[in-house]
N, C-alpha and C. Protein backbone atom coordinates (compact mmCIF):
# COMPACT_ATOMS: atom_id res chain seq x y z
N MET A 1 0.83 -1.16 0.00
CA MET A 1 0.00 0.00 0.00
C MET A 1 0.89 1.24 0.00
N GLN A 2 0.60 2.16 -0.93
CA GLN A 2 1.41 3.36 -1.03
C GLN A 2 0.62 4.55 -0.50
N PHE A 3 1.32 5.38 0.23
CA PHE A 3 0.73 6.61 0.74
C PHE A 3 1.39 7.79 0.04
N LEU A 4 0.97 8.04 -1.18
CA LEU A 4 1.53 9.15 -1.96
C LEU A 4 0.46 10.20 -2.19
N THR A 5 0.85 11.44 -2.04
CA THR A 5 -0.08 12.51 -2.36
C THR A 5 -0.20 12.63 -3.88
N ASP A 6 -1.22 13.35 -4.33
CA ASP A 6 -1.41 13.54 -5.77
C ASP A 6 -0.21 14.24 -6.40
N ARG A 7 0.32 15.21 -5.66
CA ARG A 7 1.48 15.94 -6.19
C ARG A 7 2.69 15.02 -6.32
N LYS A 8 2.89 14.16 -5.35
CA LYS A 8 4.04 13.25 -5.37
C LYS A 8 3.93 12.26 -6.53
N LYS A 9 2.70 11.88 -6.90
CA LYS A 9 2.51 10.93 -7.99
C LYS A 9 2.90 11.53 -9.35
N VAL A 10 2.73 12.81 -9.52
CA VAL A 10 3.00 13.43 -10.83
C VAL A 10 4.33 14.16 -10.89
N THR A 11 5.11 14.16 -9.84
CA THR A 11 6.40 14.83 -9.86
C THR A 11 7.27 14.20 -10.94
N GLY A 12 7.78 15.04 -11.80
CA GLY A 12 8.62 14.56 -12.89
C GLY A 12 7.85 14.19 -14.14
N LEU A 13 6.52 14.25 -14.09
CA LEU A 13 5.72 13.90 -15.25
C LEU A 13 5.08 15.12 -15.90
N GLY A 14 5.45 16.29 -15.45
CA GLY A 14 4.82 17.51 -15.96
C GLY A 14 5.53 18.07 -17.18
N THR A 15 5.67 19.35 -17.19
CA THR A 15 6.23 20.07 -18.33
C THR A 15 7.67 19.66 -18.61
N ALA A 16 8.05 19.81 -19.84
CA ALA A 16 9.42 19.50 -20.23
C ALA A 16 10.33 20.71 -20.02
N ARG A 17 9.79 21.77 -19.47
CA ARG A 17 10.52 22.99 -19.14
C ARG A 17 10.97 23.79 -20.35
N THR A 18 10.45 23.49 -21.53
CA THR A 18 10.82 24.26 -22.72
C THR A 18 9.59 24.83 -23.42
N GLY A 19 8.43 24.68 -22.84
CA GLY A 19 7.20 25.15 -23.47
C GLY A 19 7.20 26.65 -23.69
N THR A 20 7.65 27.39 -22.71
CA THR A 20 7.69 28.85 -22.83
C THR A 20 8.69 29.27 -23.90
N GLU A 21 9.83 28.62 -23.94
CA GLU A 21 10.83 28.95 -24.94
C GLU A 21 10.31 28.66 -26.35
N HIS A 22 9.64 27.53 -26.54
CA HIS A 22 9.08 27.19 -27.85
C HIS A 22 8.02 28.20 -28.25
N HIS A 23 7.16 28.56 -27.30
CA HIS A 23 6.11 29.54 -27.60
C HIS A 23 6.73 30.89 -27.97
N TRP A 24 7.71 31.33 -27.22
CA TRP A 24 8.34 32.62 -27.48
C TRP A 24 9.06 32.60 -28.83
N THR A 25 9.75 31.52 -29.15
CA THR A 25 10.44 31.41 -30.43
C THR A 25 9.45 31.41 -31.58
N LEU A 26 8.37 30.65 -31.46
CA LEU A 26 7.36 30.64 -32.52
C LEU A 26 6.71 32.01 -32.67
N THR A 27 6.49 32.70 -31.57
CA THR A 27 5.88 34.02 -31.64
C THR A 27 6.80 35.02 -32.32
N THR A 28 8.07 35.03 -31.96
CA THR A 28 8.99 36.00 -32.56
C THR A 28 9.25 35.68 -34.04
N THR A 29 9.37 34.40 -34.38
CA THR A 29 9.56 34.08 -35.80
C THR A 29 8.30 34.38 -36.59
N SER A 30 7.13 34.23 -35.98
CA SER A 30 5.88 34.57 -36.67
C SER A 30 5.82 36.07 -36.97
N VAL A 31 6.21 36.88 -36.01
CA VAL A 31 6.22 38.32 -36.22
C VAL A 31 7.24 38.69 -37.30
N GLY A 32 8.41 38.07 -37.25
CA GLY A 32 9.41 38.32 -38.29
C GLY A 32 8.91 37.94 -39.67
N LEU A 33 8.25 36.79 -39.77
CA LEU A 33 7.70 36.37 -41.06
C LEU A 33 6.56 37.28 -41.50
N LEU A 34 5.79 37.77 -40.56
CA LEU A 34 4.70 38.69 -40.87
C LEU A 34 5.24 39.98 -41.48
N ILE A 35 6.36 40.45 -40.98
CA ILE A 35 6.97 41.68 -41.50
C ILE A 35 7.64 41.41 -42.85
N LEU A 36 8.32 40.29 -42.99
CA LEU A 36 9.07 39.99 -44.21
C LEU A 36 8.20 39.56 -45.39
N THR A 37 7.07 38.93 -45.13
CA THR A 37 6.26 38.36 -46.21
C THR A 37 5.83 39.37 -47.27
N PRO A 38 5.33 40.56 -46.93
CA PRO A 38 4.96 41.49 -48.00
C PRO A 38 6.14 41.89 -48.89
N PHE A 39 7.30 42.11 -48.29
CA PHE A 39 8.49 42.46 -49.08
C PHE A 39 8.90 41.29 -49.98
N PHE A 40 8.88 40.09 -49.40
CA PHE A 40 9.25 38.90 -50.16
C PHE A 40 8.30 38.70 -51.33
N LEU A 41 7.00 38.81 -51.08
CA LEU A 41 6.03 38.63 -52.16
C LEU A 41 6.16 39.70 -53.23
N TYR A 42 6.48 40.92 -52.83
CA TYR A 42 6.66 41.99 -53.80
C TYR A 42 7.83 41.69 -54.73
N TYR A 43 8.97 41.32 -54.16
CA TYR A 43 10.16 41.09 -54.99
C TYR A 43 10.07 39.80 -55.78
N VAL A 44 9.64 38.73 -55.15
CA VAL A 44 9.53 37.46 -55.87
C VAL A 44 8.37 37.52 -56.86
N GLY A 45 7.28 38.18 -56.47
CA GLY A 45 6.14 38.34 -57.38
C GLY A 45 6.49 39.15 -58.61
N SER A 46 7.33 40.15 -58.42
CA SER A 46 7.74 40.95 -59.58
C SER A 46 8.67 40.17 -60.51
N ALA A 47 9.28 39.10 -60.02
CA ALA A 47 10.16 38.28 -60.86
C ALA A 47 9.37 37.28 -61.70
N PHE A 48 8.13 36.97 -61.29
CA PHE A 48 7.30 36.04 -62.09
C PHE A 48 6.95 36.68 -63.42
N GLY A 49 6.99 35.89 -64.46
CA GLY A 49 6.63 36.37 -65.79
C GLY A 49 7.77 37.09 -66.49
N GLN A 50 8.86 37.31 -65.79
CA GLN A 50 10.01 37.97 -66.38
C GLN A 50 10.91 36.93 -67.04
N SER A 51 11.80 37.39 -67.86
CA SER A 51 12.79 36.47 -68.43
C SER A 51 13.75 36.04 -67.32
N TYR A 52 14.51 34.99 -67.59
CA TYR A 52 15.45 34.47 -66.60
C TYR A 52 16.44 35.55 -66.17
N GLU A 53 16.97 36.29 -67.13
CA GLU A 53 17.96 37.33 -66.82
C GLU A 53 17.36 38.44 -65.96
N ASP A 54 16.11 38.82 -66.26
CA ASP A 54 15.46 39.87 -65.46
C ASP A 54 15.18 39.39 -64.04
N ALA A 55 14.74 38.13 -63.91
CA ALA A 55 14.47 37.58 -62.58
C ALA A 55 15.76 37.50 -61.76
N ILE A 56 16.84 37.08 -62.39
CA ILE A 56 18.13 37.03 -61.70
C ILE A 56 18.58 38.44 -61.31
N ALA A 57 18.32 39.42 -62.18
CA ALA A 57 18.70 40.80 -61.88
C ALA A 57 17.90 41.33 -60.68
N ILE A 58 16.62 40.97 -60.61
CA ILE A 58 15.79 41.42 -59.48
C ILE A 58 16.30 40.82 -58.18
N LEU A 59 16.53 39.50 -58.18
CA LEU A 59 16.97 38.83 -56.95
C LEU A 59 18.45 39.05 -56.67
N GLY A 60 19.18 39.60 -57.63
CA GLY A 60 20.60 39.86 -57.43
C GLY A 60 20.89 41.18 -56.73
N ARG A 61 19.88 42.03 -56.60
CA ARG A 61 20.08 43.30 -55.89
C ARG A 61 20.17 43.02 -54.39
N PRO A 62 20.84 43.88 -53.64
CA PRO A 62 21.08 43.59 -52.21
C PRO A 62 19.81 43.44 -51.37
N PHE A 63 18.88 44.38 -51.45
CA PHE A 63 17.72 44.32 -50.56
C PHE A 63 16.84 43.10 -50.84
N PRO A 64 16.49 42.79 -52.10
CA PRO A 64 15.71 41.56 -52.34
C PRO A 64 16.45 40.30 -51.92
N ALA A 65 17.76 40.27 -52.10
CA ALA A 65 18.54 39.09 -51.69
C ALA A 65 18.52 38.94 -50.17
N ILE A 66 18.65 40.04 -49.45
CA ILE A 66 18.62 39.99 -47.98
C ILE A 66 17.24 39.56 -47.49
N VAL A 67 16.20 40.14 -48.08
CA VAL A 67 14.83 39.77 -47.67
C VAL A 67 14.58 38.29 -47.94
N THR A 68 15.00 37.80 -49.09
CA THR A 68 14.80 36.40 -49.42
C THR A 68 15.61 35.49 -48.49
N GLY A 69 16.83 35.87 -48.20
CA GLY A 69 17.66 35.09 -47.28
C GLY A 69 17.08 35.04 -45.88
N LEU A 70 16.60 36.18 -45.39
CA LEU A 70 15.97 36.21 -44.07
C LEU A 70 14.69 35.39 -44.06
N MET A 71 13.93 35.47 -45.14
CA MET A 71 12.69 34.69 -45.24
C MET A 71 13.00 33.19 -45.18
N LEU A 72 14.03 32.77 -45.88
CA LEU A 72 14.42 31.36 -45.85
C LEU A 72 14.89 30.93 -44.45
N ALA A 73 15.79 31.70 -43.87
CA ALA A 73 16.36 31.33 -42.58
C ALA A 73 15.29 31.31 -41.49
N ILE A 74 14.52 32.38 -41.39
CA ILE A 74 13.50 32.46 -40.34
C ILE A 74 12.37 31.47 -40.61
N GLY A 75 11.99 31.33 -41.87
CA GLY A 75 10.90 30.42 -42.22
C GLY A 75 11.22 28.98 -41.90
N PHE A 76 12.43 28.52 -42.25
CA PHE A 76 12.77 27.14 -41.95
C PHE A 76 13.02 26.91 -40.46
N HIS A 77 13.49 27.93 -39.74
CA HIS A 77 13.62 27.78 -38.28
C HIS A 77 12.22 27.66 -37.65
N HIS A 78 11.29 28.48 -38.12
CA HIS A 78 9.92 28.42 -37.65
C HIS A 78 9.32 27.05 -37.96
N PHE A 79 9.59 26.54 -39.15
CA PHE A 79 9.12 25.22 -39.54
C PHE A 79 9.67 24.14 -38.61
N ARG A 80 10.97 24.23 -38.30
CA ARG A 80 11.59 23.21 -37.44
C ARG A 80 10.98 23.21 -36.05
N ILE A 81 10.77 24.38 -35.48
CA ILE A 81 10.18 24.46 -34.14
C ILE A 81 8.73 23.94 -34.16
N GLY A 82 7.99 24.29 -35.19
CA GLY A 82 6.60 23.84 -35.29
C GLY A 82 6.49 22.34 -35.49
N ILE A 83 7.32 21.78 -36.37
CA ILE A 83 7.25 20.35 -36.62
C ILE A 83 7.77 19.58 -35.41
N GLN A 84 8.66 20.18 -34.63
CA GLN A 84 9.13 19.54 -33.40
C GLN A 84 7.97 19.38 -32.42
N ALA A 85 7.13 20.40 -32.32
CA ALA A 85 5.97 20.31 -31.43
C ALA A 85 5.01 19.21 -31.89
N VAL A 86 4.82 19.10 -33.20
CA VAL A 86 3.93 18.05 -33.72
C VAL A 86 4.51 16.67 -33.45
N ILE A 87 5.81 16.51 -33.70
CA ILE A 87 6.45 15.21 -33.46
C ILE A 87 6.41 14.86 -31.98
N ASP A 88 6.68 15.83 -31.11
CA ASP A 88 6.63 15.57 -29.67
C ASP A 88 5.24 15.12 -29.23
N ASP A 89 4.21 15.67 -29.86
CA ASP A 89 2.84 15.32 -29.47
C ASP A 89 2.39 13.96 -29.99
N TYR A 90 2.85 13.56 -31.17
CA TYR A 90 2.26 12.40 -31.82
C TYR A 90 3.18 11.21 -32.06
N VAL A 91 4.46 11.33 -31.77
CA VAL A 91 5.40 10.23 -32.00
C VAL A 91 6.04 9.87 -30.67
N ASP A 92 6.20 8.58 -30.41
CA ASP A 92 6.77 8.13 -29.14
C ASP A 92 8.03 7.30 -29.36
N GLY A 93 8.80 7.19 -28.31
CA GLY A 93 9.95 6.29 -28.28
C GLY A 93 11.10 6.70 -29.18
N LYS A 94 11.75 5.68 -29.71
CA LYS A 94 12.93 5.91 -30.54
C LYS A 94 12.56 6.59 -31.86
N ALA A 95 11.35 6.34 -32.33
CA ALA A 95 10.90 6.98 -33.57
C ALA A 95 10.85 8.50 -33.41
N ARG A 96 10.55 8.98 -32.20
CA ARG A 96 10.53 10.42 -31.95
C ARG A 96 11.91 11.02 -32.16
N LYS A 97 12.92 10.39 -31.59
CA LYS A 97 14.28 10.92 -31.73
C LYS A 97 14.73 10.90 -33.19
N ILE A 98 14.42 9.82 -33.88
CA ILE A 98 14.80 9.73 -35.30
C ILE A 98 14.06 10.80 -36.11
N ALA A 99 12.77 10.97 -35.86
CA ALA A 99 11.99 11.97 -36.60
C ALA A 99 12.49 13.38 -36.32
N LEU A 100 12.83 13.66 -35.06
CA LEU A 100 13.34 15.00 -34.72
C LEU A 100 14.66 15.29 -35.43
N VAL A 101 15.55 14.31 -35.44
CA VAL A 101 16.84 14.50 -36.10
C VAL A 101 16.65 14.67 -37.60
N LEU A 102 15.81 13.82 -38.20
CA LEU A 102 15.58 13.91 -39.64
C LEU A 102 14.94 15.23 -40.04
N MET A 103 13.95 15.67 -39.29
CA MET A 103 13.28 16.93 -39.64
C MET A 103 14.19 18.13 -39.41
N SER A 104 15.07 18.06 -38.42
CA SER A 104 16.04 19.13 -38.24
C SER A 104 17.01 19.17 -39.40
N LEU A 105 17.46 17.99 -39.85
CA LEU A 105 18.35 17.94 -41.01
C LEU A 105 17.66 18.47 -42.27
N VAL A 106 16.41 18.10 -42.46
CA VAL A 106 15.67 18.58 -43.62
C VAL A 106 15.51 20.10 -43.57
N ALA A 107 15.09 20.62 -42.44
CA ALA A 107 14.84 22.06 -42.32
C ALA A 107 16.12 22.86 -42.53
N TYR A 108 17.17 22.49 -41.81
CA TYR A 108 18.41 23.25 -41.94
C TYR A 108 19.12 22.99 -43.27
N GLY A 109 18.96 21.78 -43.82
CA GLY A 109 19.53 21.50 -45.13
C GLY A 109 18.88 22.32 -46.23
N LEU A 110 17.54 22.42 -46.21
CA LEU A 110 16.85 23.23 -47.21
C LEU A 110 17.16 24.72 -47.04
N ALA A 111 17.27 25.16 -45.79
CA ALA A 111 17.63 26.57 -45.55
C ALA A 111 19.03 26.85 -46.08
N ALA A 112 19.96 25.95 -45.83
CA ALA A 112 21.34 26.14 -46.33
C ALA A 112 21.38 26.13 -47.85
N ALA A 113 20.63 25.23 -48.48
CA ALA A 113 20.59 25.18 -49.95
C ALA A 113 20.00 26.46 -50.52
N GLY A 114 18.93 26.95 -49.90
CA GLY A 114 18.33 28.20 -50.36
C GLY A 114 19.24 29.39 -50.17
N LEU A 115 19.92 29.45 -49.03
CA LEU A 115 20.85 30.57 -48.79
C LEU A 115 22.03 30.51 -49.76
N PHE A 116 22.49 29.30 -50.06
CA PHE A 116 23.57 29.15 -51.03
C PHE A 116 23.11 29.63 -52.40
N ALA A 117 21.89 29.28 -52.78
CA ALA A 117 21.36 29.71 -54.09
C ALA A 117 21.23 31.23 -54.16
N ILE A 118 20.72 31.83 -53.10
CA ILE A 118 20.59 33.29 -53.08
C ILE A 118 21.96 33.95 -53.10
N ALA A 119 22.91 33.40 -52.37
CA ALA A 119 24.27 33.98 -52.36
C ALA A 119 24.91 33.86 -53.74
N SER A 120 24.69 32.73 -54.42
CA SER A 120 25.29 32.59 -55.75
C SER A 120 24.63 33.52 -56.75
N ILE A 121 23.37 33.84 -56.59
CA ILE A 121 22.70 34.80 -57.48
C ILE A 121 23.17 36.22 -57.17
N ALA A 122 23.23 36.55 -55.89
CA ALA A 122 23.54 37.93 -55.49
C ALA A 122 25.01 38.28 -55.65
N LEU A 123 25.87 37.28 -55.60
CA LEU A 123 27.29 37.58 -55.70
C LEU A 123 27.73 37.28 -57.08
């Protein structure tokens, strides 16, 4: 027979102590994406329908390249944090660790590829 209080039964089973950090990171990246999206859509939208050389010229200027690079970096970081929350909620055991590592590799790999592409266009 165990004499444990309700609090003693759940000690160590509560929060993972990173909920506030995840929420704050998602909030700040959301605000950053909210500010960057109109600029990104303006510059990338103006490149649609243009010839290849004109599109490269538009994205080769400093401000559009910086906006696009920030959009990629912040967007994929936001994606990684969001997908981490989904994986934490719905995947258990060893599959969770594998999924978290794979999705981090995918997110940062795509961000690096996009930043490399923008750097090669702008430089």
